[in-house]
Amino acid sequence: MMSISAFLAQNALPIDNVKHIVSKRFLDENGQPMEWEIKAIDSAEDEAIRKSCTKRMPVPGKRNQYTNETDSNLYVGKLAVACTVFPNLNDKELQDSYGVMGADALLKKMLTPGEYADYLNKIQEICGFDVDFRDKVDEVKN
């Protein structure tokens, strides 16, 4: 007989935060690149972020019909902010130093386009979006 005890919250393995060098431009007192700390979020928080980036748009040529459209750039930006533990992107002094308001604007101002794209990829990897569904199916089959 199978037991569900492995699925109980207290038995689930925790997801550890990850330290990652996002840019070689931010150096510590020893001249070494600073590590950023990234955490995975749960599906409920991800869903809330996704909903906040989704708008109801009218279907062209169809009266009273609507479709949901998600702004993917806004979504990944908010996802990155939610997953960033360090540096504190909501720090007023940090935002003021870059002349921006808001954590998402700060992140985009701090990083070059390439650094930002790499960071978004790392965030998605940590949140489990890096594995293709077909890869998961093949892994289960083996």
C-alpha atoms as a PDB file:
ATOM      1  CA  MET A   1       0.000   0.000   0.000  1.00  0.00           C
ATOM      2  CA  MET A   2       1.288   3.429  -0.906  1.00  0.00           C
ATOM      3  CA  SER A   3       1.694   6.152   1.686  1.00  0.00           C
ATOM      4  CA  ILE A   4       1.254   9.861   1.155  1.00  0.00           C
ATOM      5  CA  SER A   5       3.663  10.723   3.952  1.00  0.00           C
ATOM      6  CA  ALA A   6       6.407  11.595   1.445  1.00  0.00           C
ATOM      7  CA  PHE A   7       4.175  14.410   0.188  1.00  0.00           C
ATOM      8  CA  LEU A   8       3.609  16.009   3.595  1.00  0.00           C
ATOM      9  CA  ALA A   9       5.124  19.489   3.864  1.00  0.00           C
ATOM     10  CA  GLN A  10       7.441  18.526   6.717  1.00  0.00           C
ATOM     11  CA  ASN A  11       8.893  15.671   4.626  1.00  0.00           C
ATOM     12  CA  ALA A  12       9.492  17.635   1.431  1.00  0.00           C
ATOM     13  CA  LEU A  13      13.093  18.572   0.806  1.00  0.00           C
ATOM     14  CA  PRO A  14      13.640  22.330   1.014  1.00  0.00           C
ATOM     15  CA  ILE A  15      14.721  24.240  -2.050  1.00  0.00           C
ATOM     16  CA  ASP A  16      17.951  25.980  -1.150  1.00  0.00           C
ATOM     17  CA  ASN A  17      18.708  29.522  -2.243  1.00  0.00           C
ATOM     18  CA  VAL A  18      21.365  29.776  -4.938  1.00  0.00           C
ATOM     19  CA  LYS A  19      24.305  32.185  -5.031  1.00  0.00           C
ATOM     20  CA  HIS A  20      25.198  33.357  -8.508  1.00  0.00           C
ATOM     21  CA  ILE A  21      27.511  35.952 -10.009  1.00  0.00           C
ATOM     22  CA  VAL A  22      25.256  38.030 -12.220  1.00  0.00           C
ATOM     23  CA  SER A  23      27.826  40.613 -13.293  1.00  0.00           C
ATOM     24  CA  LYS A  24      31.567  41.032 -12.977  1.00  0.00           C
ATOM     25  CA  ARG A  25      31.015  44.791 -12.634  1.00  0.00           C
ATOM     26  CA  PHE A  26      29.894  44.659  -8.976  1.00  0.00           C
ATOM     27  CA  LEU A  27      32.954  43.948  -6.831  1.00  0.00           C
ATOM     28  CA  ASP A  28      33.362  43.342  -3.096  1.00  0.00           C
ATOM     29  CA  GLU A  29      36.065  44.930  -0.937  1.00  0.00           C
ATOM     30  CA  ASN A  30      38.568  42.312  -2.151  1.00  0.00           C
ATOM     31  CA  GLY A  31      37.895  43.045  -5.824  1.00  0.00           C
ATOM     32  CA  GLN A  32      35.916  39.824  -6.322  1.00  0.00           C
ATOM     33  CA  PRO A  33      32.564  39.774  -8.159  1.00  0.00           C
ATOM     34  CA  MET A  34      29.606  39.978  -5.765  1.00  0.00           C
ATOM     35  CA  GLU A  35      27.301  36.984  -5.552  1.00  0.00           C
ATOM     36  CA  TRP A  36      23.587  37.560  -5.789  1.00  0.00           C
ATOM     37  CA  GLU A  37      21.236  35.329  -3.812  1.00  0.00           C
ATOM     38  CA  ILE A  38      18.270  33.842  -5.654  1.00  0.00           C
ATOM     39  CA  LYS A  39      15.344  31.828  -4.326  1.00  0.00           C
ATOM     40  CA  ALA A  40      12.670  29.746  -5.997  1.00  0.00           C
ATOM     41  CA  ILE A  41       9.092  30.827  -5.455  1.00  0.00           C
ATOM     42  CA  ASP A  42       6.084  28.560  -5.141  1.00  0.00           C
ATOM     43  CA  SER A  43       3.431  28.090  -7.803  1.00  0.00           C
ATOM     44  CA  ALA A  44       0.876  30.225  -5.964  1.00  0.00           C
ATOM     45  CA  GLU A  45       3.206  33.230  -5.971  1.00  0.00           C
ATOM     46  CA  ASP A  46       4.083  32.570  -9.614  1.00  0.00           C
ATOM     47  CA  GLU A  47       0.384  32.466 -10.499  1.00  0.00           C
ATOM     48  CA  ALA A  48      -0.218  35.789  -8.731  1.00  0.00           C
ATOM     49  CA  ILE A  49       2.653  37.374 -10.670  1.00  0.00           C
ATOM     50  CA  ARG A  50       1.372  35.936 -13.945  1.00  0.00           C
ATOM     51  CA  LYS A  51      -2.161  37.207 -13.257  1.00  0.00           C
ATOM     52  CA  SER A  52      -0.838  40.689 -12.489  1.00  0.00           C
ATOM     53  CA  CYS A  53       0.771  40.697 -15.953  1.00  0.00           C
ATOM     54  CA  THR A  54      -2.327  39.481 -17.806  1.00  0.00           C
ATOM     55  CA  LYS A  55      -4.944  41.708 -19.431  1.00  0.00           C
ATOM     56  CA  ARG A  56      -8.290  40.936 -21.000  1.00  0.00           C
ATOM     57  CA  MET A  57      -8.159  42.067 -24.594  1.00  0.00           C
ATOM     58  CA  PRO A  58     -11.066  42.211 -27.035  1.00  0.00           C
ATOM     59  CA  VAL A  59     -10.908  39.752 -29.912  1.00  0.00           C
ATOM     60  CA  PRO A  60     -10.744  41.787 -33.134  1.00  0.00           C
ATOM     61  CA  GLY A  61     -13.904  41.437 -35.190  1.00  0.00           C
ATOM     62  CA  LYS A  62     -15.750  39.473 -32.475  1.00  0.00           C
ATOM     63  CA  ARG A  63     -18.206  41.410 -30.411  1.00  0.00           C
ATOM     64  CA  ASN A  64     -18.199  40.784 -26.657  1.00  0.00           C
ATOM     65  CA  GLN A  65     -15.418  38.221 -26.931  1.00  0.00           C
ATOM     66  CA  TYR A  66     -12.180  38.592 -25.055  1.00  0.00           C
ATOM     67  CA  THR A  67      -8.905  36.770 -24.718  1.00  0.00           C
ATOM     68  CA  ASN A  68      -6.242  36.920 -22.027  1.00  0.00           C
ATOM     69  CA  GLU A  69      -2.828  38.218 -23.038  1.00  0.00           C
ATOM     70  CA  THR A  70       0.197  38.018 -20.768  1.00  0.00           C
ATOM     71  CA  ASP A  71       2.942  40.619 -21.081  1.00  0.00           C
ATOM     72  CA  SER A  72       5.885  38.205 -21.008  1.00  0.00           C
ATOM     73  CA  ASN A  73       8.509  40.938 -20.499  1.00  0.00           C
ATOM     74  CA  LEU A  74       6.634  42.298 -17.489  1.00  0.00           C
ATOM     75  CA  TYR A  75       6.148  38.757 -16.145  1.00  0.00           C
ATOM     76  CA  VAL A  76       9.820  37.728 -16.258  1.00  0.00           C
ATOM     77  CA  GLY A  77      10.829  41.086 -14.765  1.00  0.00           C
ATOM     78  CA  LYS A  78       8.459  40.636 -11.830  1.00  0.00           C
ATOM     79  CA  LEU A  79       9.530  37.011 -11.481  1.00  0.00           C
ATOM     80  CA  ALA A  80      13.175  38.078 -11.268  1.00  0.00           C
ATOM     81  CA  VAL A  81      12.344  40.654  -8.591  1.00  0.00           C
ATOM     82  CA  ALA A  82      10.349  38.106  -6.550  1.00  0.00           C
ATOM     83  CA  CYS A  83      13.227  35.607  -6.700  1.00  0.00           C
ATOM     84  CA  THR A  84      16.034  38.043  -5.865  1.00  0.00           C
ATOM     85  CA  VAL A  85      16.974  37.856  -2.180  1.00  0.00           C
ATOM     86  CA  PHE A  86      20.240  39.823  -2.366  1.00  0.00           C
ATOM     87  CA  PRO A  87      20.766  42.572  -3.275  1.00  0.00           C
ATOM     88  CA  ASN A  88      17.568  44.018  -1.861  1.00  0.00           C
ATOM     89  CA  LEU A  89      16.055  45.536  -4.992  1.00  0.00           C
ATOM     90  CA  ASN A  90      13.501  47.411  -2.885  1.00  0.00           C
ATOM     91  CA  ASP A  91      16.214  49.345  -1.038  1.00  0.00           C
ATOM     92  CA  LYS A  92      15.522  53.074  -1.398  1.00  0.00           C
ATOM     93  CA  GLU A  93      19.206  54.030  -1.317  1.00  0.00           C
ATOM     94  CA  LEU A  94      20.011  51.547  -4.079  1.00  0.00           C
ATOM     95  CA  GLN A  95      17.093  52.745  -6.231  1.00  0.00           C
ATOM     96  CA  ASP A  96      18.037  56.395  -5.611  1.00  0.00           C
ATOM     97  CA  SER A  97      21.646  55.718  -6.645  1.00  0.00           C
ATOM     98  CA  TYR A  98      20.369  54.610 -10.087  1.00  0.00           C
ATOM     99  CA  GLY A  99      17.676  57.295 -10.261  1.00  0.00           C
ATOM    100  CA  VAL A 100      14.779  54.850 -10.549  1.00  0.00           C
ATOM    101  CA  MET A 101      11.669  53.923  -8.602  1.00  0.00           C
ATOM    102  CA  GLY A 102      10.711  50.285  -8.284  1.00  0.00           C
ATOM    103  CA  ALA A 103      12.594  47.028  -8.079  1.00  0.00           C
ATOM    104  CA  ASP A 104      11.903  45.989 -11.688  1.00  0.00           C
ATOM    105  CA  ALA A 105      13.172  49.325 -13.024  1.00  0.00           C
ATOM    106  CA  LEU A 106      16.235  49.049 -10.787  1.00  0.00           C
ATOM    107  CA  LEU A 107      17.141  45.591 -12.049  1.00  0.00           C
ATOM    108  CA  LYS A 108      16.902  46.729 -15.663  1.00  0.00           C
ATOM    109  CA  LYS A 109      18.998  49.814 -14.944  1.00  0.00           C
ATOM    110  CA  MET A 110      21.691  47.914 -12.990  1.00  0.00           C
ATOM    111  CA  LEU A 111      22.328  45.236 -15.597  1.00  0.00           C
ATOM    112  CA  THR A 112      23.389  45.354 -19.218  1.00  0.00           C
ATOM    113  CA  PRO A 113      20.969  43.695 -21.678  1.00  0.00           C
ATOM    114  CA  GLY A 114      23.142  40.566 -21.827  1.00  0.00           C
ATOM    115  CA  GLU A 115      23.501  40.364 -18.042  1.00  0.00           C
ATOM    116  CA  TYR A 116      19.751  40.845 -17.651  1.00  0.00           C
ATOM    117  CA  ALA A 117      18.961  38.087 -20.178  1.00  0.00           C
ATOM    118  CA  ASP A 118      21.419  35.703 -18.457  1.00  0.00           C
ATOM    119  CA  TYR A 119      19.903  36.564 -15.071  1.00  0.00           C
ATOM    120  CA  LEU A 120      16.386  35.861 -16.320  1.00  0.00           C
ATOM    121  CA  ASN A 121      17.576  32.482 -17.633  1.00  0.00           C
ATOM    122  CA  LYS A 122      19.105  31.672 -14.226  1.00  0.00           C
ATOM    123  CA  ILE A 123      15.874  32.686 -12.448  1.00  0.00           C
ATOM    124  CA  GLN A 124      13.827  30.437 -14.714  1.00  0.00           C
ATOM    125  CA  GLU A 125      16.265  27.565 -14.160  1.00  0.00           C
ATOM    126  CA  ILE A 126      16.026  27.916 -10.369  1.00  0.00           C
ATOM    127  CA  CYS A 127      12.230  27.988 -10.569  1.00  0.00           C
ATOM    128  CA  GLY A 128      12.245  24.762 -12.579  1.00  0.00           C
ATOM    129  CA  PHE A 129      11.438  26.174 -16.026  1.00  0.00           C
ATOM    130  CA  ASP A 130      14.736  24.973 -17.493  1.00  0.00           C
ATOM    131  CA  VAL A 131      13.760  21.356 -18.120  1.00  0.00           C
ATOM    132  CA  ASP A 132      11.779  20.675 -21.249  1.00  0.00           C
ATOM    133  CA  PHE A 133       8.588  18.664 -20.616  1.00  0.00           C
ATOM    134  CA  ARG A 134       9.724  16.017 -23.111  1.00  0.00           C
ATOM    135  CA  ASP A 135      12.965  15.633 -21.132  1.00  0.00           C
ATOM    136  CA  LYS A 136      10.916  15.024 -17.994  1.00  0.00           C
ATOM    137  CA  VAL A 137       8.779  12.408 -19.745  1.00  0.00           C
ATOM    138  CA  ASP A 138      11.905  10.621 -21.038  1.00  0.00           C
ATOM    139  CA  GLU A 139      13.423  10.728 -17.544  1.00  0.00           C
ATOM    140  CA  VAL A 140      10.299   9.146 -16.036  1.00  0.00           C
ATOM    141  CA  LYS A 141      10.238   6.440 -18.729  1.00  0.00           C
ATOM    142  CA  ASN A 142      13.830   5.429 -17.942  1.00  0.00           C
END
